[in-house]
């Protein structure tokens, strides 16, 4: 049985129990169960293993992040979560100098979709760097223009300029 269904059943039962507590007049326990039910509902929509991977990636502990990534079965994730799974896998692969796997995973991440525009920009920027390393200037420029388009808040402005300089020297 799919774990997502089990998570939804547990969350639904928790919400039902919380409602029952309020009907019976157990306000203190009902308020506590609201907090528990909130956590259970959030777990239904987020992969806890992906959250752990994000934590280790922020701490620059790539070995632990990679080990947690390998524990995740991408078939059991929602589509947007699959996008971030492949994005994180590509980032870990780039750190390990596995450029072919990284490019494949970045393209897969973009196909599944990334929610935030700056994440899309980072994915296109990484694809641009990978194409530049292969001496494919036209493809690199195309990905760089996509990165510029998605970097609306300017988070990657400095990195985009560096890649632009690198492409001008090719």
C-alpha atoms as a PDB file:
ATOM      1  CA  UNK A   1       0.000   0.000   0.000  1.00  0.00           C
ATOM      2  CA  UNK A   2       1.228   3.453  -0.840  1.00  0.00           C
ATOM      3  CA  UNK A   3       2.514   5.352   2.190  1.00  0.00           C
ATOM      4  CA  UNK A   4       0.769   8.524   1.029  1.00  0.00           C
ATOM      5  CA  UNK A   5      -2.611   6.813   1.485  1.00  0.00           C
ATOM      6  CA  UNK A   6      -1.639   5.661   4.971  1.00  0.00           C
ATOM      7  CA  UNK A   7      -0.510   9.194   5.860  1.00  0.00           C
ATOM      8  CA  UNK A   8      -3.837  10.628   4.667  1.00  0.00           C
ATOM      9  CA  UNK A   9      -5.805   8.025   6.657  1.00  0.00           C
ATOM     10  CA  UNK A  10      -3.870   8.791   9.843  1.00  0.00           C
ATOM     11  CA  UNK A  11      -4.327  12.544   9.328  1.00  0.00           C
ATOM     12  CA  UNK A  12      -8.066  12.095   8.675  1.00  0.00           C
ATOM     13  CA  UNK A  13      -8.461   9.964  11.792  1.00  0.00           C
ATOM     14  CA  UNK A  14      -6.575  12.557  13.808  1.00  0.00           C
ATOM     15  CA  UNK A  15      -8.847  15.331  12.533  1.00  0.00           C
ATOM     16  CA  UNK A  16     -11.919  13.217  13.328  1.00  0.00           C
ATOM     17  CA  UNK A  17     -10.616  12.540  16.855  1.00  0.00           C
ATOM     18  CA  UNK A  18      -9.890  16.255  17.345  1.00  0.00           C
ATOM     19  CA  UNK A  19     -13.438  17.140  16.320  1.00  0.00           C
ATOM     20  CA  UNK A  20     -14.794  14.488  18.681  1.00  0.00           C
ATOM     21  CA  UNK A  21     -12.770  15.932  21.553  1.00  0.00           C
ATOM     22  CA  UNK A  22     -14.227  19.404  20.958  1.00  0.00           C
ATOM     23  CA  UNK A  23     -17.761  18.028  20.749  1.00  0.00           C
ATOM     24  CA  UNK A  24     -17.303  16.186  24.051  1.00  0.00           C
ATOM     25  CA  UNK A  25     -15.954  19.335  25.736  1.00  0.00           C
ATOM     26  CA  UNK A  26     -12.294  18.351  26.142  1.00  0.00           C
ATOM     27  CA  UNK A  27     -10.931  21.714  25.099  1.00  0.00           C
ATOM     28  CA  UNK A  28      -7.363  21.325  26.375  1.00  0.00           C
ATOM     29  CA  UNK A  29      -6.804  17.975  24.719  1.00  0.00           C
ATOM     30  CA  UNK A  30      -8.585  19.234  21.596  1.00  0.00           C
ATOM     31  CA  UNK A  31      -6.211  22.183  21.269  1.00  0.00           C
ATOM     32  CA  UNK A  32      -3.226  19.861  21.679  1.00  0.00           C
ATOM     33  CA  UNK A  33      -4.682  17.544  19.029  1.00  0.00           C
ATOM     34  CA  UNK A  34      -5.044  20.506  16.639  1.00  0.00           C
ATOM     35  CA  UNK A  35      -1.258  20.878  16.783  1.00  0.00           C
ATOM     36  CA  UNK A  36      -0.745  17.125  16.268  1.00  0.00           C
ATOM     37  CA  UNK A  37      -3.246  17.081  13.380  1.00  0.00           C
ATOM     38  CA  UNK A  38      -1.519  20.046  11.743  1.00  0.00           C
ATOM     39  CA  UNK A  39       1.811  18.222  11.790  1.00  0.00           C
ATOM     40  CA  UNK A  40       0.207  15.065  10.393  1.00  0.00           C
ATOM     41  CA  UNK A  41      -1.489  16.985   7.561  1.00  0.00           C
ATOM     42  CA  UNK A  42       1.784  18.733   6.671  1.00  0.00           C
ATOM     43  CA  UNK A  43       3.596  15.379   6.574  1.00  0.00           C
ATOM     44  CA  UNK A  44       1.032  14.214   4.015  1.00  0.00           C
ATOM     45  CA  UNK A  45       2.121  16.897   1.572  1.00  0.00           C
ATOM     46  CA  UNK A  46       5.868  16.949   2.257  1.00  0.00           C
ATOM     47  CA  UNK A  47       8.440  14.212   2.154  1.00  0.00           C
ATOM     48  CA  UNK A  48      10.247  14.200   5.474  1.00  0.00           C
ATOM     49  CA  UNK A  49      13.321  12.685   3.841  1.00  0.00           C
ATOM     50  CA  UNK A  50      13.485  15.576   1.373  1.00  0.00           C
ATOM     51  CA  UNK A  51      13.314  17.992   4.287  1.00  0.00           C
ATOM     52  CA  UNK A  52      16.279  16.204   5.885  1.00  0.00           C
ATOM     53  CA  UNK A  53      18.170  16.426   2.564  1.00  0.00           C
ATOM     54  CA  UNK A  54      17.486  20.190   2.363  1.00  0.00           C
ATOM     55  CA  UNK A  55      18.810  20.537   5.912  1.00  0.00           C
ATOM     56  CA  UNK A  56      22.045  18.699   5.115  1.00  0.00           C
ATOM     57  CA  UNK A  57      22.489  20.629   1.860  1.00  0.00           C
ATOM     58  CA  UNK A  58      22.198  23.914   3.763  1.00  0.00           C
ATOM     59  CA  UNK A  59      24.846  22.686   6.186  1.00  0.00           C
ATOM     60  CA  UNK A  60      27.102  21.736   3.225  1.00  0.00           C
ATOM     61  CA  UNK A  61      27.181  18.113   4.405  1.00  0.00           C
ATOM     62  CA  UNK A  62      26.908  16.557   0.958  1.00  0.00           C
ATOM     63  CA  UNK A  63      27.790  13.006   1.992  1.00  0.00           C
ATOM     64  CA  UNK A  64      24.848  12.749   4.369  1.00  0.00           C
ATOM     65  CA  UNK A  65      22.572  14.555   1.928  1.00  0.00           C
ATOM     66  CA  UNK A  66      23.516  12.116  -0.842  1.00  0.00           C
ATOM     67  CA  UNK A  67      22.939   9.124   1.460  1.00  0.00           C
ATOM     68  CA  UNK A  68      19.474  10.433   2.365  1.00  0.00           C
ATOM     69  CA  UNK A  69      18.712  11.115  -1.308  1.00  0.00           C
ATOM     70  CA  UNK A  70      19.509   7.522  -2.166  1.00  0.00           C
ATOM     71  CA  UNK A  71      16.994   6.345   0.448  1.00  0.00           C
ATOM     72  CA  UNK A  72      14.143   8.157  -1.313  1.00  0.00           C
ATOM     73  CA  UNK A  73      11.985   6.323  -3.830  1.00  0.00           C
ATOM     74  CA  UNK A  74      11.042   9.012  -6.392  1.00  0.00           C
ATOM     75  CA  UNK A  75       7.979   7.038  -7.520  1.00  0.00           C
ATOM     76  CA  UNK A  76       6.348   7.771  -4.165  1.00  0.00           C
ATOM     77  CA  UNK A  77       6.761  11.545  -4.383  1.00  0.00           C
ATOM     78  CA  UNK A  78       4.364  14.123  -5.772  1.00  0.00           C
ATOM     79  CA  UNK A  79       5.414  15.624  -9.113  1.00  0.00           C
ATOM     80  CA  UNK A  80       6.754  18.892  -7.681  1.00  0.00           C
ATOM     81  CA  UNK A  81       8.640  16.924  -5.051  1.00  0.00           C
ATOM     82  CA  UNK A  82      10.104  14.764  -7.817  1.00  0.00           C
ATOM     83  CA  UNK A  83      11.372  17.955  -9.430  1.00  0.00           C
ATOM     84  CA  UNK A  84      13.175  18.977  -6.255  1.00  0.00           C
ATOM     85  CA  UNK A  85      14.426  15.419  -5.726  1.00  0.00           C
ATOM     86  CA  UNK A  86      16.121  15.435  -9.131  1.00  0.00           C
ATOM     87  CA  UNK A  87      17.331  19.015  -8.605  1.00  0.00           C
ATOM     88  CA  UNK A  88      19.035  18.046  -5.342  1.00  0.00           C
ATOM     89  CA  UNK A  89      20.417  14.872  -6.904  1.00  0.00           C
ATOM     90  CA  UNK A  90      21.893  16.933  -9.747  1.00  0.00           C
ATOM     91  CA  UNK A  91      23.439  19.351  -7.270  1.00  0.00           C
ATOM     92  CA  UNK A  92      25.038  16.484  -5.360  1.00  0.00           C
ATOM     93  CA  UNK A  93      26.253  14.952  -8.644  1.00  0.00           C
ATOM     94  CA  UNK A  94      27.865  18.248  -9.669  1.00  0.00           C
ATOM     95  CA  UNK A  95      29.805  18.276  -6.415  1.00  0.00           C
ATOM     96  CA  UNK A  96      31.015  14.735  -7.182  1.00  0.00           C
ATOM     97  CA  UNK A  97      32.076  15.739 -10.733  1.00  0.00           C
ATOM     98  CA  UNK A  98      29.464  13.498 -12.368  1.00  0.00           C
ATOM     99  CA  UNK A  99      28.451  15.956 -15.070  1.00  0.00           C
ATOM    100  CA  UNK A 100      26.498  13.578 -17.338  1.00  0.00           C
ATOM    101  CA  UNK A 101      24.236  12.446 -14.488  1.00  0.00           C
ATOM    102  CA  UNK A 102      23.905  16.014 -13.304  1.00  0.00           C
ATOM    103  CA  UNK A 103      22.710  17.241 -16.703  1.00  0.00           C
ATOM    104  CA  UNK A 104      20.219  14.395 -16.991  1.00  0.00           C
ATOM    105  CA  UNK A 105      18.864  15.061 -13.499  1.00  0.00           C
ATOM    106  CA  UNK A 106      18.575  18.818 -14.085  1.00  0.00           C
ATOM    107  CA  UNK A 107      16.568  18.241 -17.253  1.00  0.00           C
ATOM    108  CA  UNK A 108      14.344  15.778 -15.410  1.00  0.00           C
ATOM    109  CA  UNK A 109      13.846  18.286 -12.588  1.00  0.00           C
ATOM    110  CA  UNK A 110      12.776  20.957 -15.053  1.00  0.00           C
ATOM    111  CA  UNK A 111      10.402  18.514 -16.740  1.00  0.00           C
ATOM    112  CA  UNK A 112       8.695  17.685 -13.440  1.00  0.00           C
ATOM    113  CA  UNK A 113       8.661  21.334 -12.492  1.00  0.00           C
ATOM    114  CA  UNK A 114      10.192  23.458  -9.783  1.00  0.00           C
ATOM    115  CA  UNK A 115       7.914  25.729  -7.800  1.00  0.00           C
ATOM    116  CA  UNK A 116      10.171  28.742  -7.262  1.00  0.00           C
ATOM    117  CA  UNK A 117      11.459  30.876 -10.121  1.00  0.00           C
ATOM    118  CA  UNK A 118      14.920  31.229  -8.589  1.00  0.00           C
ATOM    119  CA  UNK A 119      15.167  27.412  -8.455  1.00  0.00           C
ATOM    120  CA  UNK A 120      14.349  27.259 -12.162  1.00  0.00           C
ATOM    121  CA  UNK A 121      16.944  29.959 -12.759  1.00  0.00           C
ATOM    122  CA  UNK A 122      19.558  27.991 -10.817  1.00  0.00           C
ATOM    123  CA  UNK A 123      18.762  24.846 -12.809  1.00  0.00           C
ATOM    124  CA  UNK A 124      19.104  26.696 -16.125  1.00  0.00           C
ATOM    125  CA  UNK A 125      22.297  28.353 -14.927  1.00  0.00           C
ATOM    126  CA  UNK A 126      23.789  24.970 -14.051  1.00  0.00           C
ATOM    127  CA  UNK A 127      22.730  23.615 -17.448  1.00  0.00           C
ATOM    128  CA  UNK A 128      24.430  26.603 -19.033  1.00  0.00           C
ATOM    129  CA  UNK A 129      27.672  25.868 -17.188  1.00  0.00           C
ATOM    130  CA  UNK A 130      27.507  22.207 -18.184  1.00  0.00           C
ATOM    131  CA  UNK A 131      26.946  23.127 -21.841  1.00  0.00           C
ATOM    132  CA  UNK A 132      29.809  25.624 -21.707  1.00  0.00           C
ATOM    133  CA  UNK A 133      32.101  22.898 -20.355  1.00  0.00           C
ATOM    134  CA  UNK A 134      31.204  20.835 -23.411  1.00  0.00           C
ATOM    135  CA  UNK A 135      32.002  23.854 -25.651  1.00  0.00           C
ATOM    136  CA  UNK A 136      28.374  24.163 -26.793  1.00  0.00           C
ATOM    137  CA  UNK A 137      28.107  27.940 -26.797  1.00  0.00           C
ATOM    138  CA  UNK A 138      24.695  28.243 -28.472  1.00  0.00           C
ATOM    139  CA  UNK A 139      23.074  25.837 -26.013  1.00  0.00           C
ATOM    140  CA  UNK A 140      24.812  27.526 -23.090  1.00  0.00           C
ATOM    141  CA  UNK A 141      23.559  30.957 -24.207  1.00  0.00           C
ATOM    142  CA  UNK A 142      20.020  29.601 -24.554  1.00  0.00           C
ATOM    143  CA  UNK A 143      20.097  28.234 -20.992  1.00  0.00           C
ATOM    144  CA  UNK A 144      21.699  31.426 -19.709  1.00  0.00           C
ATOM    145  CA  UNK A 145      18.892  33.517 -21.240  1.00  0.00           C
ATOM    146  CA  UNK A 146      16.336  31.243 -19.555  1.00  0.00           C
ATOM    147  CA  UNK A 147      18.171  31.727 -16.256  1.00  0.00           C
ATOM    148  CA  UNK A 148      18.039  35.509 -16.715  1.00  0.00           C
ATOM    149  CA  UNK A 149      14.320  35.292 -17.449  1.00  0.00           C
ATOM    150  CA  UNK A 150      13.571  33.343 -14.270  1.00  0.00           C
ATOM    151  CA  UNK A 151      15.905  35.338 -11.996  1.00  0.00           C
ATOM    152  CA  UNK A 152      13.370  38.088 -11.391  1.00  0.00           C
ATOM    153  CA  UNK A 153      14.634  39.012  -7.910  1.00  0.00           C
ATOM    154  CA  UNK A 154      18.319  39.109  -8.809  1.00  0.00           C
ATOM    155  CA  UNK A 155      19.483  36.286  -6.545  1.00  0.00           C
ATOM    156  CA  UNK A 156      21.784  34.899  -9.227  1.00  0.00           C
ATOM    157  CA  UNK A 157      22.813  38.141 -10.925  1.00  0.00           C
ATOM    158  CA  UNK A 158      26.485  37.802  -9.931  1.00  0.00           C
ATOM    159  CA  UNK A 159      26.633  34.151 -11.008  1.00  0.00           C
ATOM    160  CA  UNK A 160      24.971  34.944 -14.320  1.00  0.00           C
ATOM    161  CA  UNK A 161      27.595  37.618 -15.008  1.00  0.00           C
ATOM    162  CA  UNK A 162      30.392  35.154 -14.259  1.00  0.00           C
ATOM    163  CA  UNK A 163      28.936  32.581 -16.646  1.00  0.00           C
ATOM    164  CA  UNK A 164      28.466  35.316 -19.249  1.00  0.00           C
ATOM    165  CA  UNK A 165      32.181  36.163 -18.973  1.00  0.00           C
ATOM    166  CA  UNK A 166      33.058  32.490 -19.301  1.00  0.00           C
ATOM    167  CA  UNK A 167      30.909  32.189 -22.440  1.00  0.00           C
ATOM    168  CA  UNK A 168      32.487  35.274 -23.986  1.00  0.00           C
ATOM    169  CA  UNK A 169      35.899  33.642 -23.698  1.00  0.00           C
ATOM    170  CA  UNK A 170      34.771  30.533 -25.639  1.00  0.00           C
END
